[in-house]
Amino acid sequence: MSRYLKHFTVVGDDPVQWSNDYQKWEEEEDNGDKQQDSEIKVEPARRQISFQDMMKKLFSSHRFQIGVVWLVILDALLVLGELLMDLKIIHPDKYNITPKVFHYLS
């Protein structure tokens, strides 16, 4: 910080006193840097992941592909049930709500 403070002065400052204060700050900073170097552990910089990379990772994941397969199977069963009700092979309830539900779900 002392590196930056040397550029700022206040009108009426005593240059000799300011020079002595600057040297004290510099010594304190050097001592502080030595102590902090041993205490601070720097983590490696994390790379920003773009939206496109996240989508590639999601679409290529095994769980996502299994989920898509299950959704396709569910839709096929709903369409099959709707078809069976339309062909009167399976008789829907008396209010005809089930075919509408199957249609909207598929």
PDB file of N, CA and C in Angstrom:
ATOM      1  N   MET A   1       0.810  -1.177   0.000  1.00  0.00           N
ATOM      2  CA  MET A   1       0.000   0.000   0.000  1.00  0.00           C
ATOM      3  C   MET A   1       0.862   1.252   0.000  1.00  0.00           C
ATOM      4  N   SER A   2       2.021   1.146   0.600  1.00  0.00           N
ATOM      5  CA  SER A   2       2.900   2.318   0.649  1.00  0.00           C
ATOM      6  C   SER A   2       3.339   2.746  -0.745  1.00  0.00           C
ATOM      7  N   ARG A   3       3.346   1.808  -1.663  1.00  0.00           N
ATOM      8  CA  ARG A   3       3.719   2.158  -3.031  1.00  0.00           C
ATOM      9  C   ARG A   3       2.731   3.153  -3.620  1.00  0.00           C
ATOM     10  N   TYR A   4       1.478   3.044  -3.230  1.00  0.00           N
ATOM     11  CA  TYR A   4       0.453   3.932  -3.772  1.00  0.00           C
ATOM     12  C   TYR A   4       0.319   5.219  -2.967  1.00  0.00           C
ATOM     13  N   LEU A   5       0.577   5.142  -1.658  1.00  0.00           N
ATOM     14  CA  LEU A   5       0.417   6.320  -0.808  1.00  0.00           C
ATOM     15  C   LEU A   5       1.454   7.393  -1.095  1.00  0.00           C
ATOM     16  N   LYS A   6       2.590   7.019  -1.642  1.00  0.00           N
ATOM     17  CA  LYS A   6       3.628   8.021  -1.885  1.00  0.00           C
ATOM     18  C   LYS A   6       3.200   9.040  -2.947  1.00  0.00           C
ATOM     19  N   HIS A   7       2.160   8.725  -3.706  1.00  0.00           N
ATOM     20  CA  HIS A   7       1.706   9.633  -4.754  1.00  0.00           C
ATOM     21  C   HIS A   7       0.700  10.662  -4.232  1.00  0.00           C
ATOM     22  N   PHE A   8       0.223  10.486  -3.003  1.00  0.00           N
ATOM     23  CA  PHE A   8      -0.775  11.389  -2.441  1.00  0.00           C
ATOM     24  C   PHE A   8      -0.165  12.191  -1.294  1.00  0.00           C
ATOM     25  N   THR A   9      -0.330  13.491  -1.337  1.00  0.00           N
ATOM     26  CA  THR A   9       0.122  14.348  -0.242  1.00  0.00           C
ATOM     27  C   THR A   9      -0.973  15.341   0.071  1.00  0.00           C
ATOM     28  N   VAL A  10      -0.885  15.929   1.229  1.00  0.00           N
ATOM     29  CA  VAL A  10      -1.832  16.952   1.644  1.00  0.00           C
ATOM     30  C   VAL A  10      -1.094  18.274   1.654  1.00  0.00           C
ATOM     31  N   VAL A  11      -1.761  19.333   1.267  1.00  0.00           N
ATOM     32  CA  VAL A  11      -1.134  20.650   1.248  1.00  0.00           C
ATOM     33  C   VAL A  11      -0.687  20.997   2.674  1.00  0.00           C
ATOM     34  N   GLY A  12       0.545  21.405   2.812  1.00  0.00           N
ATOM     35  CA  GLY A  12       1.072  21.769   4.116  1.00  0.00           C
ATOM     36  C   GLY A  12       1.812  20.637   4.794  1.00  0.00           C
ATOM     37  N   ASP A  13       1.908  19.459   4.172  1.00  0.00           N
ATOM     38  CA  ASP A  13       2.660  18.350   4.772  1.00  0.00           C
ATOM     39  C   ASP A  13       4.132  18.697   4.835  1.00  0.00           C
ATOM     40  N   ASP A  14       4.763  18.242   5.883  1.00  0.00           N
ATOM     41  CA  ASP A  14       6.203  18.416   6.017  1.00  0.00           C
ATOM     42  C   ASP A  14       6.869  17.313   5.215  1.00  0.00           C
ATOM     43  N   PRO A  15       7.639  17.655   4.161  1.00  0.00           N
ATOM     44  CA  PRO A  15       8.235  16.625   3.311  1.00  0.00           C
ATOM     45  C   PRO A  15       9.179  15.700   4.068  1.00  0.00           C
ATOM     46  N   VAL A  16       9.891  16.214   5.066  1.00  0.00           N
ATOM     47  CA  VAL A  16      10.821  15.370   5.828  1.00  0.00           C
ATOM     48  C   VAL A  16      10.038  14.359   6.651  1.00  0.00           C
ATOM     49  N   GLN A  17       9.020  14.834   7.356  1.00  0.00           N
ATOM     50  CA  GLN A  17       8.199  13.939   8.173  1.00  0.00           C
ATOM     51  C   GLN A  17       7.499  12.911   7.278  1.00  0.00           C
ATOM     52  N   TRP A  18       7.024  13.371   6.136  1.00  0.00           N
ATOM     53  CA  TRP A  18       6.338  12.476   5.210  1.00  0.00           C
ATOM     54  C   TRP A  18       7.285  11.392   4.710  1.00  0.00           C
ATOM     55  N   SER A  19       8.525  11.756   4.444  1.00  0.00           N
ATOM     56  CA  SER A  19       9.522  10.795   3.990  1.00  0.00           C
ATOM     57  C   SER A  19       9.787   9.744   5.055  1.00  0.00           C
ATOM     58  N   ASN A  20       9.868  10.167   6.338  1.00  0.00           N
ATOM     59  CA  ASN A  20      10.083   9.213   7.431  1.00  0.00           C
ATOM     60  C   ASN A  20       8.888   8.273   7.586  1.00  0.00           C
ATOM     61  N   ASP A  21       7.671   8.843   7.480  1.00  0.00           N
ATOM     62  CA  ASP A  21       6.476   8.005   7.574  1.00  0.00           C
ATOM     63  C   ASP A  21       6.432   6.995   6.430  1.00  0.00           C
ATOM     64  N   TYR A  22       6.816   7.444   5.258  1.00  0.00           N
ATOM     65  CA  TYR A  22       6.818   6.564   4.090  1.00  0.00           C
ATOM     66  C   TYR A  22       7.782   5.396   4.308  1.00  0.00           C
ATOM     67  N   GLN A  23       8.951   5.681   4.869  1.00  0.00           N
ATOM     68  CA  GLN A  23       9.914   4.610   5.121  1.00  0.00           C
ATOM     69  C   GLN A  23       9.365   3.626   6.149  1.00  0.00           C
ATOM     70  N   LYS A  24       8.669   4.118   7.183  1.00  0.00           N
ATOM     71  CA  LYS A  24       8.071   3.223   8.181  1.00  0.00           C
ATOM     72  C   LYS A  24       7.008   2.334   7.525  1.00  0.00           C
ATOM     73  N   TRP A  25       6.175   2.950   6.690  1.00  0.00           N
ATOM     74  CA  TRP A  25       5.144   2.167   6.017  1.00  0.00           C
ATOM     75  C   TRP A  25       5.749   1.086   5.127  1.00  0.00           C
ATOM     76  N   GLU A  26       6.818   1.458   4.455  1.00  0.00           N
ATOM     77  CA  GLU A  26       7.475   0.509   3.566  1.00  0.00           C
ATOM     78  C   GLU A  26       8.045  -0.661   4.356  1.00  0.00           C
ATOM     79  N   GLU A  27       8.666  -0.383   5.503  1.00  0.00           N
ATOM     80  CA  GLU A  27       9.219  -1.451   6.349  1.00  0.00           C
ATOM     81  C   GLU A  27       8.099  -2.339   6.887  1.00  0.00           C
ATOM     82  N   GLU A  28       6.998  -1.719   7.333  1.00  0.00           N
ATOM     83  CA  GLU A  28       5.874  -2.507   7.837  1.00  0.00           C
ATOM     84  C   GLU A  28       5.291  -3.385   6.739  1.00  0.00           C
ATOM     85  N   GLU A  29       5.213  -2.831   5.547  1.00  0.00           N
ATOM     86  CA  GLU A  29       4.669  -3.604   4.435  1.00  0.00           C
ATOM     87  C   GLU A  29       5.574  -4.774   4.093  1.00  0.00           C
ATOM     88  N   ASP A  30       6.880  -4.571   4.100  1.00  0.00           N
ATOM     89  CA  ASP A  30       7.814  -5.652   3.808  1.00  0.00           C
ATOM     90  C   ASP A  30       7.702  -6.747   4.858  1.00  0.00           C
ATOM     91  N   ASN A  31       7.601  -6.375   6.122  1.00  0.00           N
ATOM     92  CA  ASN A  31       7.454  -7.364   7.188  1.00  0.00           C
ATOM     93  C   ASN A  31       6.113  -8.087   7.069  1.00  0.00           C
ATOM     94  N   GLY A  32       5.077  -7.341   6.750  1.00  0.00           N
ATOM     95  CA  GLY A  32       3.752  -7.949   6.588  1.00  0.00           C
ATOM     96  C   GLY A  32       3.708  -8.909   5.419  1.00  0.00           C
ATOM     97  N   ASP A  33       4.391  -8.567   4.314  1.00  0.00           N
ATOM     98  CA  ASP A  33       4.411  -9.442   3.143  1.00  0.00           C
ATOM     99  C   ASP A  33       5.095 -10.759   3.468  1.00  0.00           C
ATOM    100  N   LYS A  34       6.166 -10.709   4.244  1.00  0.00           N
ATOM    101  CA  LYS A  34       6.887 -11.941   4.595  1.00  0.00           C
ATOM    102  C   LYS A  34       6.009 -12.840   5.450  1.00  0.00           C
ATOM    103  N   GLN A  35       5.259 -12.243   6.381  1.00  0.00           N
ATOM    104  CA  GLN A  35       4.384 -13.040   7.231  1.00  0.00           C
ATOM    105  C   GLN A  35       3.200 -13.572   6.440  1.00  0.00           C
ATOM    106  N   GLN A  36       2.658 -12.779   5.569  1.00  0.00           N
ATOM    107  CA  GLN A  36       1.484 -13.198   4.809  1.00  0.00           C
ATOM    108  C   GLN A  36       1.820 -14.271   3.788  1.00  0.00           C
ATOM    109  N   ASP A  37       3.021 -14.244   3.225  1.00  0.00           N
ATOM    110  CA  ASP A  37       3.405 -15.248   2.235  1.00  0.00           C
ATOM    111  C   ASP A  37       3.349 -16.644   2.823  1.00  0.00           C
ATOM    112  N   SER A  38       3.743 -16.775   4.097  1.00  0.00           N
ATOM    113  CA  SER A  38       3.742 -18.093   4.704  1.00  0.00           C
ATOM    114  C   SER A  38       2.329 -18.518   5.103  1.00  0.00           C
ATOM    115  N   GLU A  39       1.414 -17.565   5.299  1.00  0.00           N
ATOM    116  CA  GLU A  39       0.070 -17.886   5.759  1.00  0.00           C
ATOM    117  C   GLU A  39      -0.944 -18.025   4.637  1.00  0.00           C
ATOM    118  N   ILE A  40      -0.793 -17.290   3.576  1.00  0.00           N
ATOM    119  CA  ILE A  40      -1.784 -17.276   2.509  1.00  0.00           C
ATOM    120  C   ILE A  40      -1.477 -18.359   1.492  1.00  0.00           C
ATOM    121  N   LYS A  41      -2.501 -19.142   1.199  1.00  0.00           N
ATOM    122  CA  LYS A  41      -2.375 -20.151   0.149  1.00  0.00           C
ATOM    123  C   LYS A  41      -3.264 -19.721  -1.000  1.00  0.00           C
ATOM    124  N   VAL A  42      -2.681 -19.600  -2.142  1.00  0.00           N
ATOM    125  CA  VAL A  42      -3.403 -19.114  -3.304  1.00  0.00           C
ATOM    126  C   VAL A  42      -4.001 -20.306  -4.040  1.00  0.00           C
ATOM    127  N   GLU A  43      -5.310 -20.216  -4.306  1.00  0.00           N
ATOM    128  CA  GLU A  43      -5.974 -21.264  -5.080  1.00  0.00           C
ATOM    129  C   GLU A  43      -5.721 -21.012  -6.562  1.00  0.00           C
ATOM    130  N   PRO A  44      -5.672 -22.060  -7.343  1.00  0.00           N
ATOM    131  CA  PRO A  44      -5.501 -21.845  -8.786  1.00  0.00           C
ATOM    132  C   PRO A  44      -6.722 -21.119  -9.349  1.00  0.00           C
ATOM    133  N   ALA A  45      -6.483 -20.326 -10.339  1.00  0.00           N
ATOM    134  CA  ALA A  45      -7.566 -19.559 -10.954  1.00  0.00           C
ATOM    135  C   ALA A  45      -8.555 -20.507 -11.618  1.00  0.00           C
ATOM    136  N   ARG A  46      -9.832 -20.244 -11.379  1.00  0.00           N
ATOM    137  CA  ARG A  46     -10.862 -21.083 -11.987  1.00  0.00           C
ATOM    138  C   ARG A  46     -11.216 -20.525 -13.351  1.00  0.00           C
ATOM    139  N   ARG A  47     -11.317 -21.420 -14.303  1.00  0.00           N
ATOM    140  CA  ARG A  47     -11.646 -21.014 -15.660  1.00  0.00           C
ATOM    141  C   ARG A  47     -13.151 -20.831 -15.750  1.00  0.00           C
ATOM    142  N   GLN A  48     -13.569 -19.760 -16.377  1.00  0.00           N
ATOM    143  CA  GLN A  48     -14.988 -19.515 -16.567  1.00  0.00           C
ATOM    144  C   GLN A  48     -15.532 -20.515 -17.580  1.00  0.00           C
ATOM    145  N   ILE A  49     -16.607 -21.182 -17.204  1.00  0.00           N
ATOM    146  CA  ILE A  49     -17.216 -22.162 -18.093  1.00  0.00           C
ATOM    147  C   ILE A  49     -18.312 -21.460 -18.880  1.00  0.00           C
ATOM    148  N   SER A  50     -18.266 -21.566 -20.180  1.00  0.00           N
ATOM    149  CA  SER A  50     -19.269 -20.906 -21.011  1.00  0.00           C
ATOM    150  C   SER A  50     -20.569 -21.716 -20.996  1.00  0.00           C
ATOM    151  N   PHE A  51     -21.644 -21.068 -21.397  1.00  0.00           N
ATOM    152  CA  PHE A  51     -22.952 -21.720 -21.459  1.00  0.00           C
ATOM    153  C   PHE A  51     -22.913 -22.902 -22.422  1.00  0.00           C
ATOM    154  N   GLN A  52     -22.212 -22.722 -23.525  1.00  0.00           N
ATOM    155  CA  GLN A  52     -22.115 -23.787 -24.525  1.00  0.00           C
ATOM    156  C   GLN A  52     -21.400 -25.011 -23.941  1.00  0.00           C
ATOM    157  N   ASP A  53     -20.350 -24.790 -23.162  1.00  0.00           N
ATOM    158  CA  ASP A  53     -19.636 -25.907 -22.538  1.00  0.00           C
ATOM    159  C   ASP A  53     -20.516 -26.620 -21.518  1.00  0.00           C
ATOM    160  N   MET A  54     -21.305 -25.841 -20.764  1.00  0.00           N
ATOM    161  CA  MET A  54     -22.206 -26.464 -19.784  1.00  0.00           C
ATOM    162  C   MET A  54     -23.246 -27.328 -20.484  1.00  0.00           C
ATOM    163  N   MET A  55     -23.788 -26.832 -21.607  1.00  0.00           N
ATOM    164  CA  MET A  55     -24.794 -27.610 -22.334  1.00  0.00           C
ATOM    165  C   MET A  55     -24.184 -28.878 -22.938  1.00  0.00           C
ATOM    166  N   LYS A  56     -22.965 -28.774 -23.452  1.00  0.00           N
ATOM    167  CA  LYS A  56     -22.290 -29.969 -23.990  1.00  0.00           C
ATOM    168  C   LYS A  56     -22.114 -31.007 -22.900  1.00  0.00           C
ATOM    169  N   LYS A  57     -21.703 -30.555 -21.734  1.00  0.00           N
ATOM    170  CA  LYS A  57     -21.496 -31.475 -20.615  1.00  0.00           C
ATOM    171  C   LYS A  57     -22.819 -32.109 -20.191  1.00  0.00           C
ATOM    172  N   LEU A  58     -23.895 -31.304 -20.127  1.00  0.00           N
ATOM    173  CA  LEU A  58     -25.200 -31.820 -19.739  1.00  0.00           C
ATOM    174  C   LEU A  58     -25.708 -32.848 -20.744  1.00  0.00           C
ATOM    175  N   PHE A  59     -25.675 -32.507 -22.033  1.00  0.00           N
ATOM    176  CA  PHE A  59     -26.221 -33.401 -23.049  1.00  0.00           C
ATOM    177  C   PHE A  59     -25.416 -34.681 -23.218  1.00  0.00           C
ATOM    178  N   SER A  60     -24.149 -34.642 -22.885  1.00  0.00           N
ATOM    179  CA  SER A  60     -23.333 -35.848 -23.028  1.00  0.00           C
ATOM    180  C   SER A  60     -23.308 -36.691 -21.748  1.00  0.00           C
ATOM    181  N   SER A  61     -23.972 -36.212 -20.694  1.00  0.00           N
ATOM    182  CA  SER A  61     -23.964 -36.985 -19.443  1.00  0.00           C
ATOM    183  C   SER A  61     -24.879 -38.201 -19.572  1.00  0.00           C
ATOM    184  N   HIS A  62     -24.512 -39.244 -18.882  1.00  0.00           N
ATOM    185  CA  HIS A  62     -25.233 -40.508 -18.935  1.00  0.00           C
ATOM    186  C   HIS A  62     -26.637 -40.355 -18.330  1.00  0.00           C
ATOM    187  N   ARG A  63     -26.751 -39.661 -17.222  1.00  0.00           N
ATOM    188  CA  ARG A  63     -28.046 -39.484 -16.557  1.00  0.00           C
ATOM    189  C   ARG A  63     -29.045 -38.731 -17.448  1.00  0.00           C
ATOM    190  N   PHE A  64     -28.578 -37.715 -18.133  1.00  0.00           N
ATOM    191  CA  PHE A  64     -29.464 -36.949 -19.008  1.00  0.00           C
ATOM    192  C   PHE A  64     -29.997 -37.847 -20.128  1.00  0.00           C
ATOM    193  N   GLN A  65     -29.138 -38.657 -20.714  1.00  0.00           N
ATOM    194  CA  GLN A  65     -29.567 -39.533 -21.801  1.00  0.00           C
ATOM    195  C   GLN A  65     -30.557 -40.582 -21.312  1.00  0.00           C
ATOM    196  N   ILE A  66     -30.336 -41.114 -20.118  1.00  0.00           N
ATOM    197  CA  ILE A  66     -31.283 -42.076 -19.543  1.00  0.00           C
ATOM    198  C   ILE A  66     -32.630 -41.389 -19.294  1.00  0.00           C
ATOM    199  N   GLY A  67     -32.604 -40.154 -18.801  1.00  0.00           N
ATOM    200  CA  GLY A  67     -33.832 -39.398 -18.568  1.00  0.00           C
ATOM    201  C   GLY A  67     -34.618 -39.172 -19.845  1.00  0.00           C
ATOM    202  N   VAL A  68     -33.932 -38.848 -20.916  1.00  0.00           N
ATOM    203  CA  VAL A  68     -34.599 -38.646 -22.203  1.00  0.00           C
ATOM    204  C   VAL A  68     -35.229 -39.943 -22.689  1.00  0.00           C
ATOM    205  N   VAL A  69     -34.540 -41.054 -22.534  1.00  0.00           N
ATOM    206  CA  VAL A  69     -35.084 -42.354 -22.952  1.00  0.00           C
ATOM    207  C   VAL A  69     -36.353 -42.664 -22.163  1.00  0.00           C
ATOM    208  N   TRP A  70     -36.332 -42.414 -20.847  1.00  0.00           N
ATOM    209  CA  TRP A  70     -37.518 -42.668 -20.025  1.00  0.00           C
ATOM    210  C   TRP A  70     -38.690 -41.770 -20.445  1.00  0.00           C
ATOM    211  N   LEU A  71     -38.421 -40.524 -20.785  1.00  0.00           N
ATOM    212  CA  LEU A  71     -39.490 -39.639 -21.241  1.00  0.00           C
ATOM    213  C   LEU A  71     -40.078 -40.104 -22.574  1.00  0.00           C
ATOM    214  N   VAL A  72     -39.253 -40.609 -23.456  1.00  0.00           N
ATOM    215  CA  VAL A  72     -39.741 -41.129 -24.742  1.00  0.00           C
ATOM    216  C   VAL A  72     -40.609 -42.365 -24.514  1.00  0.00           C
ATOM    217  N   ILE A  73     -40.175 -43.243 -23.607  1.00  0.00           N
ATOM    218  CA  ILE A  73     -40.971 -44.449 -23.300  1.00  0.00           C
ATOM    219  C   ILE A  73     -42.313 -44.061 -22.686  1.00  0.00           C
ATOM    220  N   LEU A  74     -42.311 -43.096 -21.768  1.00  0.00           N
ATOM    221  CA  LEU A  74     -43.546 -42.634 -21.147  1.00  0.00           C
ATOM    222  C   LEU A  74     -44.493 -42.048 -22.190  1.00  0.00           C
ATOM    223  N   ASP A  75     -43.963 -41.245 -23.097  1.00  0.00           N
ATOM    224  CA  ASP A  75     -44.794 -40.654 -24.147  1.00  0.00           C
ATOM    225  C   ASP A  75     -45.372 -41.736 -25.057  1.00  0.00           C
ATOM    226  N   ALA A  76     -44.564 -42.739 -25.382  1.00  0.00           N
ATOM    227  CA  ALA A  76     -45.065 -43.829 -26.237  1.00  0.00           C
ATOM    228  C   ALA A  76     -46.204 -44.571 -25.549  1.00  0.00           C
ATOM    229  N   LEU A  77     -46.095 -44.798 -24.238  1.00  0.00           N
ATOM    230  CA  LEU A  77     -47.170 -45.474 -23.506  1.00  0.00           C
ATOM    231  C   LEU A  77     -48.435 -44.611 -23.464  1.00  0.00           C
ATOM    232  N   LEU A  78     -48.276 -43.314 -23.286  1.00  0.00           N
ATOM    233  CA  LEU A  78     -49.439 -42.427 -23.277  1.00  0.00           C
ATOM    234  C   LEU A  78     -50.131 -42.397 -24.648  1.00  0.00           C
ATOM    235  N   VAL A  79     -49.360 -42.354 -25.704  1.00  0.00           N
ATOM    236  CA  VAL A  79     -49.933 -42.361 -27.055  1.00  0.00           C
ATOM    237  C   VAL A  79     -50.623 -43.697 -27.322  1.00  0.00           C
ATOM    238  N   LEU A  80     -50.012 -44.788 -26.876  1.00  0.00           N
ATOM    239  CA  LEU A  80     -50.632 -46.110 -27.051  1.00  0.00           C
ATOM    240  C   LEU A  80     -51.950 -46.187 -26.293  1.00  0.00           C
ATOM    241  N   GLY A  81     -51.979 -45.689 -25.066  1.00  0.00           N
ATOM    242  CA  GLY A  81     -53.234 -45.689 -24.293  1.00  0.00           C
ATOM    243  C   GLY A  81     -54.300 -44.844 -24.953  1.00  0.00           C
ATOM    244  N   GLU A  82     -53.908 -43.685 -25.465  1.00  0.00           N
ATOM    245  CA  GLU A  82     -54.858 -42.817 -26.157  1.00  0.00           C
ATOM    246  C   GLU A  82     -55.399 -43.498 -27.420  1.00  0.00           C
ATOM    247  N   LEU A  83     -54.524 -44.162 -28.140  1.00  0.00           N
ATOM    248  CA  LEU A  83     -54.934 -44.876 -29.355  1.00  0.00           C
ATOM    249  C   LEU A  83     -55.906 -46.006 -29.029  1.00  0.00           C
ATOM    250  N   LEU A  84     -55.630 -46.754 -27.968  1.00  0.00           N
ATOM    251  CA  LEU A  84     -56.518 -47.848 -27.581  1.00  0.00           C
ATOM    252  C   LEU A  84     -57.892 -47.328 -27.171  1.00  0.00           C
ATOM    253  N   MET A  85     -57.939 -46.150 -26.544  1.00  0.00           N
ATOM    254  CA  MET A  85     -59.241 -45.573 -26.177  1.00  0.00           C
ATOM    255  C   MET A  85     -59.976 -45.041 -27.400  1.00  0.00           C
ATOM    256  N   ASP A  86     -59.240 -44.481 -28.347  1.00  0.00           N
ATOM    257  CA  ASP A  86     -59.885 -43.984 -29.568  1.00  0.00           C
ATOM    258  C   ASP A  86     -60.464 -45.118 -30.401  1.00  0.00           C
ATOM    259  N   LEU A  87     -59.810 -46.266 -30.388  1.00  0.00           N
ATOM    260  CA  LEU A  87     -60.294 -47.424 -31.160  1.00  0.00           C
ATOM    261  C   LEU A  87     -61.344 -48.231 -30.402  1.00  0.00           C
ATOM    262  N   LYS A  88     -61.710 -47.754 -29.236  1.00  0.00           N
ATOM    263  CA  LYS A  88     -62.726 -48.390 -28.379  1.00  0.00           C
ATOM    264  C   LYS A  88     -62.327 -49.788 -27.924  1.00  0.00           C
ATOM    265  N   ILE A  89     -61.033 -50.055 -27.900  1.00  0.00           N
ATOM    266  CA  ILE A  89     -60.556 -51.330 -27.356  1.00  0.00           C
ATOM    267  C   ILE A  89     -60.600 -51.256 -25.836  1.00  0.00           C
ATOM    268  N   ILE A  90     -60.223 -50.111 -25.301  1.00  0.00           N
ATOM    269  CA  ILE A  90     -60.357 -49.842 -23.865  1.00  0.00           C
ATOM    270  C   ILE A  90     -61.438 -48.781 -23.739  1.00  0.00           C
ATOM    271  N   HIS A  91     -62.393 -49.031 -22.891  1.00  0.00           N
ATOM    272  CA  HIS A  91     -63.490 -48.081 -22.725  1.00  0.00           C
ATOM    273  C   HIS A  91     -63.134 -47.091 -21.622  1.00  0.00           C
ATOM    274  N   PRO A  92     -63.114 -45.798 -21.993  1.00  0.00           N
ATOM    275  CA  PRO A  92     -62.783 -44.786 -20.984  1.00  0.00           C
ATOM    276  C   PRO A  92     -63.926 -44.601 -19.985  1.00  0.00           C
ATOM    277  N   ASP A  93     -63.695 -43.781 -19.007  1.00  0.00           N
ATOM    278  CA  ASP A  93     -64.726 -43.510 -18.011  1.00  0.00           C
ATOM    279  C   ASP A  93     -65.923 -42.805 -18.664  1.00  0.00           C
ATOM    280  N   LYS A  94     -67.018 -42.704 -17.946  1.00  0.00           N
ATOM    281  CA  LYS A  94     -68.245 -42.188 -18.543  1.00  0.00           C
ATOM    282  C   LYS A  94     -68.179 -40.696 -18.849  1.00  0.00           C
ATOM    283  N   TYR A  95     -67.224 -39.944 -18.236  1.00  0.00           N
ATOM    284  CA  TYR A  95     -67.110 -38.515 -18.501  1.00  0.00           C
ATOM    285  C   TYR A  95     -66.079 -38.193 -19.588  1.00  0.00           C
ATOM    286  N   ASN A  96     -65.400 -39.193 -20.118  1.00  0.00           N
ATOM    287  CA  ASN A  96     -64.383 -39.045 -21.171  1.00  0.00           C
ATOM    288  C   ASN A  96     -63.251 -38.076 -20.771  1.00  0.00           C
ATOM    289  N   ILE A  97     -62.865 -38.123 -19.514  1.00  0.00           N
ATOM    290  CA  ILE A  97     -61.762 -37.281 -19.039  1.00  0.00           C
ATOM    291  C   ILE A  97     -60.411 -37.946 -19.328  1.00  0.00           C
ATOM    292  N   THR A  98     -60.371 -39.266 -19.230  1.00  0.00           N
ATOM    293  CA  THR A  98     -59.099 -39.982 -19.392  1.00  0.00           C
ATOM    294  C   THR A  98     -58.459 -39.756 -20.753  1.00  0.00           C
ATOM    295  N   PRO A  99     -59.192 -39.815 -21.870  1.00  0.00           N
ATOM    296  CA  PRO A  99     -58.537 -39.553 -23.161  1.00  0.00           C
ATOM    297  C   PRO A  99     -57.941 -38.144 -23.243  1.00  0.00           C
ATOM    298  N   LYS A 100     -58.654 -37.175 -22.652  1.00  0.00           N
ATOM    299  CA  LYS A 100     -58.127 -35.802 -22.666  1.00  0.00           C
ATOM    300  C   LYS A 100     -56.850 -35.689 -21.833  1.00  0.00           C
ATOM    301  N   VAL A 101     -56.839 -36.340 -20.679  1.00  0.00           N
ATOM    302  CA  VAL A 101     -55.646 -36.326 -19.828  1.00  0.00           C
ATOM    303  C   VAL A 101     -54.470 -36.965 -20.549  1.00  0.00           C
ATOM    304  N   PHE A 102     -54.712 -38.112 -21.164  1.00  0.00           N
ATOM    305  CA  PHE A 102     -53.630 -38.786 -21.918  1.00  0.00           C
ATOM    306  C   PHE A 102     -53.136 -37.893 -23.056  1.00  0.00           C
ATOM    307  N   HIS A 103     -54.076 -37.248 -23.738  1.00  0.00           N
ATOM    308  CA  HIS A 103     -53.684 -36.377 -24.866  1.00  0.00           C
ATOM    309  C   HIS A 103     -52.807 -35.217 -24.386  1.00  0.00           C
ATOM    310  N   TYR A 104     -53.209 -34.550 -23.313  1.00  0.00           N
ATOM    311  CA  TYR A 104     -52.458 -33.407 -22.821  1.00  0.00           C
ATOM    312  C   TYR A 104     -51.104 -33.815 -22.225  1.00  0.00           C
ATOM    313  N   LEU A 105     -51.074 -34.983 -21.579  1.00  0.00           N
ATOM    314  CA  LEU A 105     -49.786 -35.442 -21.019  1.00  0.00           C
ATOM    315  C   LEU A 105     -48.794 -35.832 -22.119  1.00  0.00           C
ATOM    316  N   SER A 106     -49.324 -36.398 -23.190  1.00  0.00           N
ATOM    317  CA  SER A 106     -48.380 -36.812 -24.253  1.00  0.00           C
ATOM    318  C   SER A 106     -47.969 -35.606 -25.063  1.00  0.00           C
TER     319      SER A 106
END
